[in-house]
Amino acid sequence: MTALKDLAQVIRSKNSGPFELTFDVMFPDAAAYERAERSGVLSRDLVCRLYGVPSDDIVALLFFRPALAFKFTLRRGWAQGSIGERDTFGAQQHAPLMAIDIP
């Protein structure tokens, strides 16, 4: 088992407009990318559990081979910049992904 933070080259989240957050997990090479994809760990169910969202809140979720990346976009639970906003740039939301174990 390898933690995703040790397998990936980049794990990040960012603002994707006022109503969505997008997440990127980029791998350093084809072998790491294929290992993550084949594992089946990075899935819709995992994202729902990690982020406490229903499946309908996942706008996109895919492995994108040309970039050696796993990507997903979530609907925000609140509008960007609204009262009580905790992370206007969405740059702090990727942390739960880092400890995921990939066989």
N, C-alpha and C. Protein backbone atom coordinates (compact mmCIF):
# COMPACT_ATOMS: atom_id res chain seq x y z
N MET A 1 0.85 -1.19 0.00
CA MET A 1 0.00 0.00 0.00
C MET A 1 0.90 1.25 0.00
N THR A 2 0.47 2.23 -0.73
CA THR A 2 1.18 3.50 -0.79
C THR A 2 0.16 4.63 -0.64
N ALA A 3 0.46 5.57 0.23
CA ALA A 3 -0.42 6.73 0.39
C ALA A 3 -0.44 7.52 -0.91
N LEU A 4 -1.60 8.03 -1.27
CA LEU A 4 -1.72 8.79 -2.51
C LEU A 4 -0.74 9.95 -2.54
N LYS A 5 -0.49 10.57 -1.40
CA LYS A 5 0.45 11.70 -1.35
C LYS A 5 1.86 11.29 -1.75
N ASP A 6 2.18 10.01 -1.60
CA ASP A 6 3.51 9.51 -1.97
C ASP A 6 3.55 8.97 -3.41
N LEU A 7 2.39 8.68 -3.96
CA LEU A 7 2.32 8.16 -5.32
C LEU A 7 2.15 9.28 -6.35
N ALA A 8 1.37 10.30 -5.99
CA ALA A 8 1.08 11.40 -6.90
C ALA A 8 2.17 12.47 -6.85
N GLN A 9 2.28 13.20 -7.92
CA GLN A 9 3.21 14.33 -7.95
C GLN A 9 2.53 15.60 -7.46
N VAL A 10 1.23 15.75 -7.77
CA VAL A 10 0.45 16.92 -7.36
C VAL A 10 -0.91 16.45 -6.89
N ILE A 11 -1.35 16.97 -5.76
CA ILE A 11 -2.73 16.81 -5.29
C ILE A 11 -3.18 18.21 -4.93
N ARG A 12 -4.24 18.69 -5.59
CA ARG A 12 -4.67 20.06 -5.33
C ARG A 12 -6.17 20.19 -5.52
N SER A 13 -6.69 21.24 -4.90
CA SER A 13 -8.08 21.63 -5.11
C SER A 13 -8.06 23.11 -5.43
N LYS A 14 -9.09 23.54 -6.17
CA LYS A 14 -9.14 24.95 -6.53
C LYS A 14 -10.56 25.35 -6.89
N ASN A 15 -10.77 26.64 -6.85
CA ASN A 15 -12.04 27.21 -7.23
C ASN A 15 -12.31 26.90 -8.70
N SER A 16 -13.56 26.57 -8.99
CA SER A 16 -13.95 26.31 -10.38
C SER A 16 -15.21 27.12 -10.67
N GLY A 17 -15.15 28.39 -10.32
CA GLY A 17 -16.32 29.25 -10.45
C GLY A 17 -17.00 29.41 -9.10
N PRO A 18 -18.04 30.19 -9.01
CA PRO A 18 -18.64 30.50 -7.71
C PRO A 18 -19.42 29.35 -7.08
N PHE A 19 -19.69 28.29 -7.85
CA PHE A 19 -20.53 27.21 -7.32
C PHE A 19 -19.89 25.83 -7.39
N GLU A 20 -18.61 25.75 -7.75
CA GLU A 20 -17.94 24.45 -7.88
C GLU A 20 -16.49 24.50 -7.40
N LEU A 21 -16.01 23.34 -6.96
CA LEU A 21 -14.60 23.14 -6.62
C LEU A 21 -14.09 22.01 -7.48
N THR A 22 -12.87 22.11 -7.96
CA THR A 22 -12.29 21.04 -8.76
C THR A 22 -11.03 20.51 -8.08
N PHE A 23 -10.79 19.23 -8.27
CA PHE A 23 -9.68 18.53 -7.63
C PHE A 23 -8.86 17.84 -8.70
N ASP A 24 -7.55 17.90 -8.56
CA ASP A 24 -6.63 17.27 -9.50
C ASP A 24 -5.64 16.41 -8.73
N VAL A 25 -5.46 15.19 -9.18
CA VAL A 25 -4.41 14.31 -8.67
C VAL A 25 -3.59 13.95 -9.90
N MET A 26 -2.35 14.46 -9.95
CA MET A 26 -1.49 14.25 -11.12
C MET A 26 -0.32 13.34 -10.75
N PHE A 27 -0.07 12.40 -11.62
CA PHE A 27 0.95 11.39 -11.36
C PHE A 27 2.22 11.68 -12.15
N PRO A 28 3.38 11.26 -11.62
CA PRO A 28 4.65 11.59 -12.27
C PRO A 28 4.95 10.80 -13.53
N ASP A 29 4.30 9.64 -13.66
CA ASP A 29 4.59 8.80 -14.82
C ASP A 29 3.41 7.86 -15.07
N ALA A 30 3.46 7.19 -16.21
CA ALA A 30 2.37 6.29 -16.61
C ALA A 30 2.19 5.14 -15.63
N ALA A 31 3.26 4.65 -15.07
CA ALA A 31 3.17 3.51 -14.14
C ALA A 31 2.36 3.89 -12.89
N ALA A 32 2.63 5.03 -12.33
CA ALA A 32 1.90 5.49 -11.14
C ALA A 32 0.43 5.74 -11.49
N TYR A 33 0.20 6.39 -12.63
CA TYR A 33 -1.16 6.66 -13.10
C TYR A 33 -1.94 5.35 -13.25
N GLU A 34 -1.34 4.39 -13.94
CA GLU A 34 -2.01 3.12 -14.19
C GLU A 34 -2.25 2.34 -12.90
N ARG A 35 -1.32 2.42 -11.97
CA ARG A 35 -1.51 1.76 -10.69
C ARG A 35 -2.74 2.32 -9.98
N ALA A 36 -2.86 3.65 -9.94
CA ALA A 36 -4.00 4.27 -9.29
C ALA A 36 -5.31 3.93 -10.00
N GLU A 37 -5.29 3.99 -11.32
CA GLU A 37 -6.50 3.70 -12.07
C GLU A 37 -6.94 2.24 -11.90
N ARG A 38 -6.00 1.32 -12.02
CA ARG A 38 -6.31 -0.11 -11.88
C ARG A 38 -6.80 -0.48 -10.49
N SER A 39 -6.36 0.25 -9.48
CA SER A 39 -6.72 -0.09 -8.10
C SER A 39 -8.22 0.01 -7.86
N GLY A 40 -8.90 0.90 -8.56
CA GLY A 40 -10.33 1.10 -8.33
C GLY A 40 -10.65 1.89 -7.07
N VAL A 41 -9.63 2.33 -6.37
CA VAL A 41 -9.84 3.05 -5.11
C VAL A 41 -10.41 4.45 -5.34
N LEU A 42 -9.89 5.14 -6.33
CA LEU A 42 -10.36 6.51 -6.61
C LEU A 42 -11.67 6.42 -7.38
N SER A 43 -12.77 6.54 -6.64
CA SER A 43 -14.09 6.27 -7.20
C SER A 43 -15.11 7.30 -6.71
N ARG A 44 -16.27 7.23 -7.33
CA ARG A 44 -17.40 8.08 -6.93
C ARG A 44 -17.77 7.83 -5.47
N ASP A 45 -17.82 6.57 -5.07
CA ASP A 45 -18.15 6.23 -3.68
C ASP A 45 -17.15 6.83 -2.71
N LEU A 46 -15.87 6.74 -3.04
CA LEU A 46 -14.84 7.31 -2.17
C LEU A 46 -15.03 8.82 -2.02
N VAL A 47 -15.24 9.53 -3.12
CA VAL A 47 -15.42 10.98 -3.07
C VAL A 47 -16.64 11.33 -2.23
N CYS A 48 -17.73 10.60 -2.39
CA CYS A 48 -18.93 10.86 -1.59
C CYS A 48 -18.64 10.69 -0.10
N ARG A 49 -17.93 9.63 0.25
CA ARG A 49 -17.59 9.39 1.67
C ARG A 49 -16.65 10.45 2.21
N LEU A 50 -15.58 10.74 1.48
CA LEU A 50 -14.58 11.70 1.95
C LEU A 50 -15.15 13.11 2.15
N TYR A 51 -16.01 13.51 1.23
CA TYR A 51 -16.50 14.89 1.25
C TYR A 51 -17.93 15.03 1.75
N GLY A 52 -18.53 13.92 2.15
CA GLY A 52 -19.87 13.96 2.72
C GLY A 52 -20.90 14.55 1.77
N VAL A 53 -20.80 14.18 0.50
CA VAL A 53 -21.72 14.72 -0.51
C VAL A 53 -22.49 13.57 -1.16
N PRO A 54 -23.70 13.87 -1.64
CA PRO A 54 -24.42 12.87 -2.41
C PRO A 54 -23.81 12.77 -3.81
N SER A 55 -24.02 11.65 -4.45
CA SER A 55 -23.47 11.42 -5.79
C SER A 55 -23.89 12.52 -6.77
N ASP A 56 -25.06 13.08 -6.59
CA ASP A 56 -25.55 14.14 -7.49
C ASP A 56 -24.71 15.41 -7.42
N ASP A 57 -23.95 15.58 -6.34
CA ASP A 57 -23.09 16.78 -6.20
C ASP A 57 -21.76 16.63 -6.94
N ILE A 58 -21.50 15.46 -7.50
CA ILE A 58 -20.29 15.26 -8.31
C ILE A 58 -20.63 15.64 -9.74
N VAL A 59 -20.04 16.74 -10.19
CA VAL A 59 -20.29 17.25 -11.53
C VAL A 59 -19.51 16.44 -12.56
N ALA A 60 -18.28 16.08 -12.24
CA ALA A 60 -17.42 15.30 -13.14
C ALA A 60 -16.48 14.47 -12.28
N LEU A 61 -16.11 13.30 -12.79
CA LEU A 61 -15.15 12.43 -12.11
C LEU A 61 -14.55 11.53 -13.18
N LEU A 62 -13.23 11.65 -13.39
CA LEU A 62 -12.62 10.89 -14.47
C LEU A 62 -11.11 10.74 -14.31
N PHE A 63 -10.61 9.69 -14.92
CA PHE A 63 -9.18 9.55 -15.14
C PHE A 63 -8.91 10.15 -16.51
N PHE A 64 -7.90 11.00 -16.61
CA PHE A 64 -7.59 11.69 -17.87
C PHE A 64 -6.16 11.37 -18.26
N ARG A 65 -6.01 10.34 -19.08
CA ARG A 65 -4.69 9.82 -19.43
C ARG A 65 -3.74 10.85 -20.04
N PRO A 66 -4.19 11.75 -20.95
CA PRO A 66 -3.24 12.71 -21.54
C PRO A 66 -2.50 13.55 -20.50
N ALA A 67 -3.11 13.77 -19.36
CA ALA A 67 -2.46 14.54 -18.29
C ALA A 67 -1.97 13.65 -17.16
N LEU A 68 -2.12 12.32 -17.30
CA LEU A 68 -1.78 11.37 -16.22
C LEU A 68 -2.42 11.83 -14.92
N ALA A 69 -3.74 12.08 -14.97
CA ALA A 69 -4.43 12.69 -13.84
C ALA A 69 -5.78 12.03 -13.55
N PHE A 70 -6.16 12.11 -12.30
CA PHE A 70 -7.51 11.80 -11.83
C PHE A 70 -8.11 13.13 -11.45
N LYS A 71 -9.31 13.42 -11.93
CA LYS A 71 -9.90 14.73 -11.70
C LYS A 71 -11.37 14.56 -11.30
N PHE A 72 -11.82 15.46 -10.43
CA PHE A 72 -13.25 15.52 -10.15
C PHE A 72 -13.65 16.93 -9.76
N THR A 73 -14.92 17.23 -9.97
CA THR A 73 -15.48 18.54 -9.64
C THR A 73 -16.72 18.32 -8.81
N LEU A 74 -16.82 19.09 -7.71
CA LEU A 74 -17.97 19.03 -6.81
C LEU A 74 -18.72 20.35 -6.81
N ARG A 75 -20.02 20.26 -6.63
CA ARG A 75 -20.80 21.47 -6.36
C ARG A 75 -20.43 21.95 -4.97
N ARG A 76 -20.28 23.25 -4.81
CA ARG A 76 -20.01 23.82 -3.50
C ARG A 76 -21.28 23.75 -2.64
N GLY A 77 -21.11 23.59 -1.36
CA GLY A 77 -22.24 23.61 -0.43
C GLY A 77 -22.70 25.03 -0.14
N TRP A 78 -21.95 26.00 -0.60
CA TRP A 78 -22.25 27.42 -0.41
C TRP A 78 -21.59 28.17 -1.57
N ALA A 79 -22.12 29.33 -1.88
CA ALA A 79 -21.54 30.12 -2.97
C ALA A 79 -20.21 30.73 -2.55
N GLN A 80 -19.27 30.79 -3.47
CA GLN A 80 -17.98 31.41 -3.20
C GLN A 80 -18.19 32.84 -2.74
N GLY A 81 -17.50 33.21 -1.66
CA GLY A 81 -17.55 34.57 -1.15
C GLY A 81 -18.79 34.89 -0.33
N SER A 82 -19.64 33.90 -0.10
CA SER A 82 -20.84 34.17 0.68
C SER A 82 -20.48 34.28 2.17
N ILE A 83 -21.39 34.78 2.95
CA ILE A 83 -21.16 34.92 4.40
C ILE A 83 -20.86 33.54 4.98
N GLY A 84 -19.80 33.47 5.76
CA GLY A 84 -19.38 32.22 6.37
C GLY A 84 -18.46 31.39 5.48
N GLU A 85 -18.11 31.92 4.33
CA GLU A 85 -17.19 31.22 3.42
C GLU A 85 -15.92 30.83 4.16
N ARG A 86 -15.49 29.59 4.01
CA ARG A 86 -14.31 29.10 4.73
C ARG A 86 -13.07 28.99 3.86
N ASP A 87 -13.25 28.96 2.54
CA ASP A 87 -12.10 28.76 1.66
C ASP A 87 -12.46 29.29 0.27
N THR A 88 -12.41 30.59 0.13
CA THR A 88 -12.90 31.22 -1.10
C THR A 88 -12.20 30.74 -2.36
N PHE A 89 -10.93 30.34 -2.26
CA PHE A 89 -10.20 29.86 -3.42
C PHE A 89 -10.26 28.34 -3.58
N GLY A 90 -10.85 27.66 -2.62
CA GLY A 90 -10.96 26.21 -2.69
C GLY A 90 -9.63 25.50 -2.57
N ALA A 91 -8.61 26.18 -2.13
CA ALA A 91 -7.25 25.65 -2.14
C ALA A 91 -6.91 24.77 -0.93
N GLN A 92 -7.86 24.57 -0.02
CA GLN A 92 -7.57 23.79 1.17
C GLN A 92 -8.42 22.53 1.27
N GLN A 93 -9.08 22.17 0.21
CA GLN A 93 -10.05 21.07 0.27
C GLN A 93 -9.48 19.71 -0.14
N HIS A 94 -8.27 19.67 -0.61
CA HIS A 94 -7.68 18.42 -1.11
C HIS A 94 -7.10 17.52 -0.02
N ALA A 95 -6.94 18.02 1.18
CA ALA A 95 -6.25 17.28 2.24
C ALA A 95 -6.79 15.87 2.48
N PRO A 96 -8.11 15.62 2.47
CA PRO A 96 -8.57 14.26 2.70
C PRO A 96 -8.07 13.23 1.69
N LEU A 97 -7.71 13.67 0.51
CA LEU A 97 -7.21 12.74 -0.51
C LEU A 97 -5.81 12.23 -0.21
N MET A 98 -5.03 12.99 0.53
CA MET A 98 -3.62 12.69 0.70
C MET A 98 -3.35 11.35 1.40
N ALA A 99 -4.21 10.95 2.31
CA ALA A 99 -3.98 9.73 3.09
C ALA A 99 -4.61 8.49 2.48
N ILE A 100 -5.25 8.61 1.33
CA ILE A 100 -5.86 7.45 0.69
C ILE A 100 -4.77 6.43 0.36
N ASP A 101 -5.00 5.18 0.67
CA ASP A 101 -4.03 4.12 0.36
C ASP A 101 -4.34 3.49 -0.99
N ILE A 102 -3.32 3.37 -1.81
CA ILE A 102 -3.44 2.73 -3.11
C ILE A 102 -2.63 1.43 -3.07
N PRO A 103 -3.29 0.30 -3.33
CA PRO A 103 -2.54 -0.98 -3.30
C PRO A 103 -1.55 -1.09 -4.46
